[in-house]
Amino acid sequence: MSPSLYGARVALLESRRQSELASLVRRHGGEPICVPAMREVERDCASEIESAIDAASRGGALIVLATGAGLDRWLSMAGALGRAAELHAAFARSTVVCRGPKPIAVLKREGLTAQLRASPPHTTSELLATLDSIDVRNRDVVFIHDGGGSRTVPEALARRGARVVEAQPYAWALPDDTEPLRALVRSIVAGGIDVVAFTTQIQAKHLFDVAQSIGLASSLGEALRGRVVVAAVGPTCAEALEHLGVPAHVIPRQSKMGALVLAVASIMASRFGPASPARA
């Protein structure tokens, strides 16, 4: 029998796969409270996209994909620029490295493949370890960013002598309407939430940014270090929370939503058990 959430109120900050995650929470006996903490904003980056296609089209290029959404946007913009066929041909001639499963899924949809992929849990550390096995000196390297635009990987490649061309097709931003997030912060502080589940590091930053804007950052941190169960989908997310002073209570072995919900349910079962529901 699967572990139960025992009626726990679980705050979900996910936006892209919100309904899927909420369904998992309900299936395990929890009450999902859906409050998206971010949105993806397409960037005006045609020149970056053009430069990335140019670099990928040169023989022997290395293409490093940190994101499925960024890859999807790169392919879409290449089509709008009349360079879709050129980019597809460039992929066939290049060595392609993926950080995680999402860009691999996009490649598969397009009939393309990756030669290398970072090992689980697919963090920057695993991606750098994979890239360490490749000679990049004097080589064209295209790096497609996720919404955070972290400098860690492209700078590491440049230090090793690569000619790095970067493109960031989208950025992460706060929702247009932040009142639901403000209300969530107040509810967490007041004791109305049992679990907060973080599926990206930017969700943690945005939640604390909003809390800071209403003078509740300190109270939010106190609540998340106290009675509220804090769940992080993977080590990168957990590290972001640690930097905010909030250690994660739950980090599943697999960085997947299903594993996250099961791990939270196991914690709730150990705390409450069948005779003591989380909420009256």
Protein backbone atom coordinates (compact mmCIF):
# COMPACT_ATOMS: atom_id res chain seq x y z
CA MET A 1 0.00 0.00 0.00
CA SER A 2 1.36 3.44 -0.96
CA PRO A 3 2.13 5.87 1.88
CA SER A 4 -0.49 8.53 2.52
CA LEU A 5 -0.25 12.29 2.95
CA TYR A 6 -3.03 12.06 5.58
CA GLY A 7 -4.86 15.14 4.36
CA ALA A 8 -1.79 17.40 4.46
CA ARG A 9 -2.08 20.76 2.74
CA VAL A 10 0.73 20.75 0.19
CA ALA A 11 1.77 24.03 -1.41
CA LEU A 12 2.89 23.49 -5.01
CA LEU A 13 4.89 26.24 -6.70
CA GLU A 14 5.19 24.43 -10.04
CA SER A 15 3.77 26.16 -13.13
CA ARG A 16 4.51 24.09 -16.24
CA ARG A 17 3.36 20.72 -14.83
CA GLN A 18 1.05 21.97 -12.12
CA SER A 19 -1.93 19.73 -12.88
CA GLU A 20 0.24 16.60 -12.99
CA LEU A 21 1.82 17.34 -9.63
CA ALA A 22 -1.53 18.27 -8.05
CA SER A 23 -3.00 14.99 -9.28
CA LEU A 24 -0.17 13.06 -7.62
CA VAL A 25 -0.79 14.85 -4.32
CA ARG A 26 -4.53 14.06 -4.44
CA ARG A 27 -3.83 10.43 -5.34
CA HIS A 28 -1.83 10.09 -2.13
CA GLY A 29 -4.45 11.72 0.06
CA GLY A 30 -3.17 15.28 0.20
CA GLU A 31 -4.77 18.64 -0.54
CA PRO A 32 -2.79 20.50 -3.23
CA ILE A 33 -2.55 24.29 -2.89
CA CYS A 34 -1.38 25.43 -6.34
CA VAL A 35 0.39 28.79 -6.41
CA PRO A 36 2.81 29.12 -9.36
CA ALA A 37 5.95 31.00 -8.32
CA MET A 38 7.38 31.70 -11.77
CA ARG A 39 6.68 32.12 -15.45
CA GLU A 40 8.85 31.65 -18.51
CA VAL A 41 9.39 34.81 -20.54
CA GLU A 42 10.66 34.51 -24.09
CA ARG A 43 13.66 36.76 -24.64
CA ASP A 44 14.31 38.94 -27.66
CA CYS A 45 17.49 37.10 -28.59
CA ALA A 46 17.49 36.66 -32.37
CA SER A 47 21.15 37.66 -32.61
CA GLU A 48 22.12 35.04 -29.99
CA ILE A 49 20.12 32.41 -31.85
CA GLU A 50 21.76 33.30 -35.17
CA SER A 51 25.24 33.16 -33.61
CA ALA A 52 24.45 29.80 -32.02
CA ILE A 53 23.33 28.37 -35.37
CA ASP A 54 26.46 29.75 -37.05
CA ALA A 55 28.71 28.12 -34.44
CA ALA A 56 26.83 24.81 -34.50
CA SER A 57 27.12 24.72 -38.29
CA ARG A 58 30.90 24.78 -38.21
CA GLY A 59 32.46 21.33 -38.36
CA GLY A 60 33.19 19.53 -35.10
CA ALA A 61 31.06 21.74 -32.88
CA LEU A 62 29.90 20.71 -29.42
CA ILE A 63 26.30 21.54 -28.47
CA VAL A 64 25.50 21.59 -24.75
CA LEU A 65 21.81 21.65 -23.80
CA ALA A 66 20.88 22.63 -20.26
CA THR A 67 17.14 22.73 -20.92
CA GLY A 68 14.36 21.20 -22.98
CA ALA A 69 12.36 24.42 -23.11
CA GLY A 70 15.41 26.35 -24.33
CA LEU A 71 16.11 23.78 -27.03
CA ASP A 72 12.48 23.89 -28.14
CA ARG A 73 12.63 27.68 -28.37
CA TRP A 74 15.96 27.55 -30.27
CA LEU A 75 14.47 25.20 -32.85
CA SER A 76 11.33 27.32 -33.14
CA MET A 77 13.30 30.53 -33.65
CA ALA A 78 15.53 28.81 -36.21
CA GLY A 79 12.37 27.98 -38.15
CA ALA A 80 11.15 31.57 -37.95
CA LEU A 81 14.53 32.73 -39.27
CA GLY A 82 14.40 30.25 -42.16
CA ARG A 83 17.30 28.23 -40.76
CA ALA A 84 15.56 25.12 -39.41
CA ALA A 85 17.09 22.74 -41.97
CA GLU A 86 20.53 24.22 -41.37
CA LEU A 87 20.22 23.71 -37.62
CA HIS A 88 19.00 20.13 -37.99
CA ALA A 89 21.96 19.39 -40.25
CA ALA A 90 24.29 21.00 -37.70
CA PHE A 91 23.00 18.69 -34.97
CA ALA A 92 23.80 15.68 -37.15
CA ARG A 93 27.43 16.85 -37.51
CA SER A 94 27.95 17.91 -33.89
CA THR A 95 28.55 16.21 -30.57
CA VAL A 96 25.47 16.84 -28.44
CA VAL A 97 25.51 16.77 -24.64
CA CYS A 98 22.32 17.00 -22.54
CA ARG A 99 22.10 17.85 -18.86
CA GLY A 100 18.87 15.93 -18.23
CA PRO A 101 15.96 14.04 -19.81
CA LYS A 102 13.95 17.06 -21.00
CA PRO A 103 16.23 18.12 -23.89
CA ILE A 104 16.60 14.45 -24.82
CA ALA A 105 12.82 14.23 -25.22
CA VAL A 106 12.81 17.28 -27.50
CA LEU A 107 15.66 15.84 -29.59
CA LYS A 108 13.79 12.55 -29.95
CA ARG A 109 10.68 14.39 -31.14
CA GLU A 110 12.80 16.05 -33.82
CA GLY A 111 14.48 12.81 -34.90
CA LEU A 112 17.77 13.94 -33.35
CA THR A 113 20.02 12.25 -30.78
CA ALA A 114 22.47 13.14 -28.03
CA GLN A 115 25.82 11.41 -27.84
CA LEU A 116 26.32 12.13 -24.14
CA ARG A 117 24.11 12.93 -21.17
CA ALA A 118 24.88 13.89 -17.60
CA SER A 119 24.21 11.23 -15.01
CA PRO A 120 21.46 11.59 -12.39
CA PRO A 121 20.56 13.77 -10.60
CA HIS A 122 21.44 15.91 -13.65
CA THR A 123 22.84 18.91 -11.80
CA THR A 124 25.54 21.28 -13.00
CA SER A 125 28.13 19.11 -11.25
CA GLU A 126 27.21 16.03 -13.30
CA LEU A 127 27.13 18.08 -16.49
CA LEU A 128 30.62 19.45 -15.81
CA ALA A 129 31.88 15.94 -15.07
CA THR A 130 30.52 14.74 -18.42
CA LEU A 131 32.11 17.66 -20.25
CA ASP A 132 35.46 16.97 -18.58
CA SER A 133 35.75 13.87 -20.77
CA ILE A 134 35.65 15.99 -23.96
CA ASP A 135 38.58 17.94 -25.41
CA VAL A 136 37.17 21.43 -26.01
CA ARG A 137 40.37 23.40 -26.66
CA ASN A 138 39.98 25.54 -29.81
CA ARG A 139 36.56 24.02 -30.40
CA ASP A 140 33.26 25.78 -31.10
CA VAL A 141 30.86 25.11 -28.22
CA VAL A 142 27.22 26.19 -28.21
CA PHE A 143 25.65 26.42 -24.77
CA ILE A 144 21.86 26.74 -24.55
CA HIS A 145 20.86 28.19 -21.17
CA ASP A 146 17.84 27.53 -19.06
CA GLY A 147 15.87 30.45 -17.62
CA GLY A 148 18.43 31.16 -14.91
CA GLY A 149 21.31 32.01 -17.21
CA SER A 150 23.97 30.60 -14.86
CA ARG A 151 27.54 31.40 -15.90
CA THR A 152 29.12 28.30 -14.30
CA VAL A 153 29.27 25.92 -17.29
CA PRO A 154 30.14 28.38 -20.11
CA GLU A 155 32.88 29.96 -17.99
CA ALA A 156 34.32 26.53 -17.15
CA LEU A 157 34.38 25.64 -20.85
CA ALA A 158 36.02 28.97 -21.76
CA ARG A 159 38.76 28.39 -19.17
CA ARG A 160 39.50 25.09 -20.90
CA GLY A 161 40.06 26.89 -24.20
CA ALA A 162 36.66 26.52 -25.88
CA ARG A 163 35.17 29.15 -28.17
CA VAL A 164 31.84 29.41 -26.34
CA VAL A 165 28.71 30.85 -27.96
CA GLU A 166 25.75 31.21 -25.61
CA ALA A 167 22.03 31.60 -26.17
CA GLN A 168 19.36 32.07 -23.54
CA PRO A 169 16.00 31.72 -25.31
CA TYR A 170 13.88 32.44 -22.24
CA ALA A 171 14.15 33.80 -18.70
CA TRP A 172 12.39 33.09 -15.42
CA ALA A 173 10.27 35.86 -13.95
CA LEU A 174 7.74 36.33 -11.19
CA PRO A 175 4.08 35.80 -12.13
CA ASP A 176 2.30 38.89 -13.41
CA ASP A 177 0.04 38.77 -10.35
CA THR A 178 2.00 38.09 -7.15
CA GLU A 179 -0.97 38.39 -4.76
CA PRO A 180 -1.48 34.57 -4.66
CA LEU A 181 2.17 34.21 -3.62
CA ARG A 182 1.77 36.88 -0.95
CA ALA A 183 -1.32 35.06 0.34
CA LEU A 184 0.64 31.78 0.38
CA VAL A 185 3.44 33.35 2.43
CA ARG A 186 0.89 34.60 4.97
CA SER A 187 -0.73 31.14 5.10
CA ILE A 188 2.63 29.40 5.66
CA VAL A 189 3.50 31.83 8.46
CA ALA A 190 0.04 31.42 10.04
CA GLY A 191 0.29 27.62 10.08
CA GLY A 192 -2.12 26.89 7.24
CA ILE A 193 0.32 24.83 5.16
CA ASP A 194 1.87 21.50 6.10
CA VAL A 195 4.25 20.96 3.17
CA VAL A 196 5.92 23.23 0.61
CA ALA A 197 7.24 21.41 -2.47
CA PHE A 198 9.92 23.09 -4.57
CA THR A 199 10.59 21.74 -8.07
CA THR A 200 13.04 24.43 -9.27
CA GLN A 201 15.52 26.60 -7.44
CA ILE A 202 13.99 29.82 -8.75
CA GLN A 203 10.74 29.01 -6.93
CA ALA A 204 12.56 29.29 -3.62
CA LYS A 205 14.12 32.62 -4.53
CA HIS A 206 10.82 34.04 -5.74
CA LEU A 207 8.94 32.89 -2.64
CA PHE A 208 11.45 34.65 -0.40
CA ASP A 209 11.53 37.74 -2.64
CA VAL A 210 7.77 38.07 -2.27
CA ALA A 211 8.00 37.44 1.48
CA GLN A 212 10.64 40.17 1.73
CA SER A 213 8.35 42.59 -0.10
CA ILE A 214 5.70 42.23 2.61
CA GLY A 215 8.11 42.09 5.54
CA LEU A 216 7.69 38.38 6.25
CA ALA A 217 10.96 36.87 5.01
CA SER A 218 12.20 36.17 8.53
CA SER A 219 8.86 34.68 9.60
CA LEU A 220 8.73 32.55 6.45
CA GLY A 221 12.19 31.16 7.13
CA GLU A 222 11.24 30.38 10.71
CA ALA A 223 8.11 28.51 9.60
CA LEU A 224 10.00 26.50 6.97
CA ARG A 225 12.66 25.56 9.51
CA GLY A 226 9.97 24.55 11.98
CA ARG A 227 6.70 22.68 11.56
CA VAL A 228 6.43 22.89 7.75
CA VAL A 229 7.89 20.02 5.75
CA VAL A 230 10.17 21.40 3.03
CA ALA A 231 10.56 19.17 -0.03
CA ALA A 232 13.10 19.73 -2.83
CA VAL A 233 12.91 17.72 -6.05
CA GLY A 234 16.70 17.44 -6.31
CA PRO A 235 20.07 18.60 -4.93
CA THR A 236 20.24 21.83 -6.96
CA CYS A 237 16.91 22.92 -5.55
CA ALA A 238 17.97 21.83 -2.06
CA GLU A 239 21.19 23.83 -2.36
CA ALA A 240 19.22 26.98 -3.24
CA LEU A 241 17.05 26.47 -0.17
CA GLU A 242 20.15 25.92 1.99
CA HIS A 243 21.51 29.27 0.81
CA LEU A 244 18.25 30.85 1.95
CA GLY A 245 18.70 29.30 5.38
CA VAL A 246 16.08 26.59 4.91
CA PRO A 247 17.38 23.00 4.82
CA ALA A 248 15.16 20.61 2.87
CA HIS A 249 13.60 17.80 4.89
CA VAL A 250 12.86 15.74 1.77
CA ILE A 251 15.09 15.13 -1.27
CA PRO A 252 14.04 12.04 -3.27
CA ARG A 253 16.67 9.72 -4.69
CA GLN A 254 15.26 10.33 -8.16
CA SER A 255 14.68 13.94 -9.20
CA LYS A 256 11.14 13.29 -10.40
CA MET A 257 7.75 14.56 -9.29
CA GLY A 258 6.37 11.12 -8.48
CA ALA A 259 9.38 10.29 -6.34
CA LEU A 260 9.06 13.68 -4.61
CA VAL A 261 5.43 13.07 -3.61
CA LEU A 262 6.19 9.53 -2.42
CA ALA A 263 9.08 10.79 -0.30
CA VAL A 264 6.86 13.47 1.27
CA ALA A 265 4.16 10.86 1.94
CA SER A 266 6.70 8.67 3.70
CA ILE A 267 7.66 11.57 5.97
CA MET A 268 4.01 12.32 6.75
CA ALA A 269 3.34 8.66 7.50
CA SER A 270 6.22 8.56 9.96
CA ARG A 271 4.99 11.73 11.65
CA PHE A 272 1.29 11.02 11.86
CA GLY A 273 0.49 7.40 11.04
CA PRO A 274 -3.00 6.14 10.23
CA ALA A 275 -4.38 7.01 13.65
CA SER A 276 -3.24 10.63 13.66
CA PRO A 277 -4.19 12.57 10.53
CA ALA A 278 -2.21 15.67 9.68
CA ARG A 279 -5.28 17.82 9.92
CA ALA A 280 -8.43 17.45 11.94
